[in-house]
């Protein structure tokens, strides 16, 4: 299976929300301190990585995106 990488999703998020997802450098502090992480299918840092790599389907299908309380 071939995966195509794209920054389109990250750029769309930046345009609409002003957030630069490329500032995430995978320290995993968000994942290790998350009080609801046990309910996620992807850890928060994994979701950020999927967005950085342009894996739109994976990101949008993830429960993490919709359950995050943005503590």
Protein backbone atom coordinates (compact mmCIF):
# COMPACT_ATOMS: atom_id res chain seq x y z
CA UNK A 1 0.00 0.00 0.00
CA UNK A 2 1.39 3.37 -1.01
CA UNK A 3 0.95 6.43 1.18
CA UNK A 4 1.12 9.90 -0.30
CA UNK A 5 2.29 12.63 2.05
CA UNK A 6 0.81 16.09 1.80
CA UNK A 7 0.76 19.27 3.86
CA UNK A 8 -2.68 20.26 2.51
CA UNK A 9 -4.53 19.31 5.71
CA UNK A 10 -2.01 21.11 7.92
CA UNK A 11 -2.24 24.20 5.73
CA UNK A 12 -6.04 24.11 5.83
CA UNK A 13 -5.97 23.94 9.63
CA UNK A 14 -3.56 26.86 9.75
CA UNK A 15 -5.76 28.98 7.47
CA UNK A 16 -8.98 28.23 9.35
CA UNK A 17 -7.73 28.06 12.95
CA UNK A 18 -4.39 29.81 12.98
CA UNK A 19 -2.68 26.74 14.48
CA UNK A 20 0.62 25.50 13.08
CA UNK A 21 0.60 21.72 13.58
CA UNK A 22 4.25 21.56 12.56
CA UNK A 23 5.20 23.13 15.89
CA UNK A 24 4.43 19.76 17.49
CA UNK A 25 7.74 17.91 17.79
CA UNK A 26 6.35 14.69 19.30
CA UNK A 27 7.44 15.18 22.94
CA UNK A 28 4.32 13.20 23.97
CA UNK A 29 3.49 15.48 26.93
CA UNK A 30 -0.05 15.85 25.61
CA UNK A 31 -0.47 12.07 25.43
CA UNK A 32 1.09 11.25 28.79
CA UNK A 33 -0.95 13.88 30.65
CA UNK A 34 -4.28 13.32 28.93
CA UNK A 35 -7.06 12.37 31.40
CA UNK A 36 -9.22 10.73 28.72
CA UNK A 37 -6.47 9.06 26.66
CA UNK A 38 -7.81 5.59 27.47
CA UNK A 39 -10.85 6.32 25.29
CA UNK A 40 -8.84 7.39 22.24
CA UNK A 41 -7.95 5.13 19.34
CA UNK A 42 -4.92 7.33 18.59
CA UNK A 43 -2.85 9.12 21.20
CA UNK A 44 -2.94 12.91 20.78
CA UNK A 45 0.63 12.95 19.47
CA UNK A 46 -0.26 10.24 16.93
CA UNK A 47 -3.17 12.35 15.71
CA UNK A 48 -0.89 15.36 15.33
CA UNK A 49 1.57 13.24 13.35
CA UNK A 50 -1.19 11.99 11.06
CA UNK A 51 -2.20 15.60 10.39
CA UNK A 52 1.42 16.62 9.81
CA UNK A 53 1.77 13.83 7.26
CA UNK A 54 -1.50 14.69 5.53
CA UNK A 55 -3.28 11.48 6.48
CA UNK A 56 -6.68 13.14 6.40
CA UNK A 57 -8.78 9.96 6.46
CA UNK A 58 -6.96 8.62 9.50
CA UNK A 59 -7.22 11.95 11.33
CA UNK A 60 -10.90 12.57 10.63
CA UNK A 61 -11.97 9.00 11.42
CA UNK A 62 -10.13 9.03 14.74
CA UNK A 63 -12.19 9.25 17.93
CA UNK A 64 -9.39 11.34 19.41
CA UNK A 65 -10.28 14.36 17.32
CA UNK A 66 -13.87 14.35 18.56
CA UNK A 67 -13.26 13.39 22.21
CA UNK A 68 -10.41 15.77 22.98
CA UNK A 69 -11.35 18.31 25.67
CA UNK A 70 -8.33 20.53 24.82
CA UNK A 71 -7.28 20.68 28.45
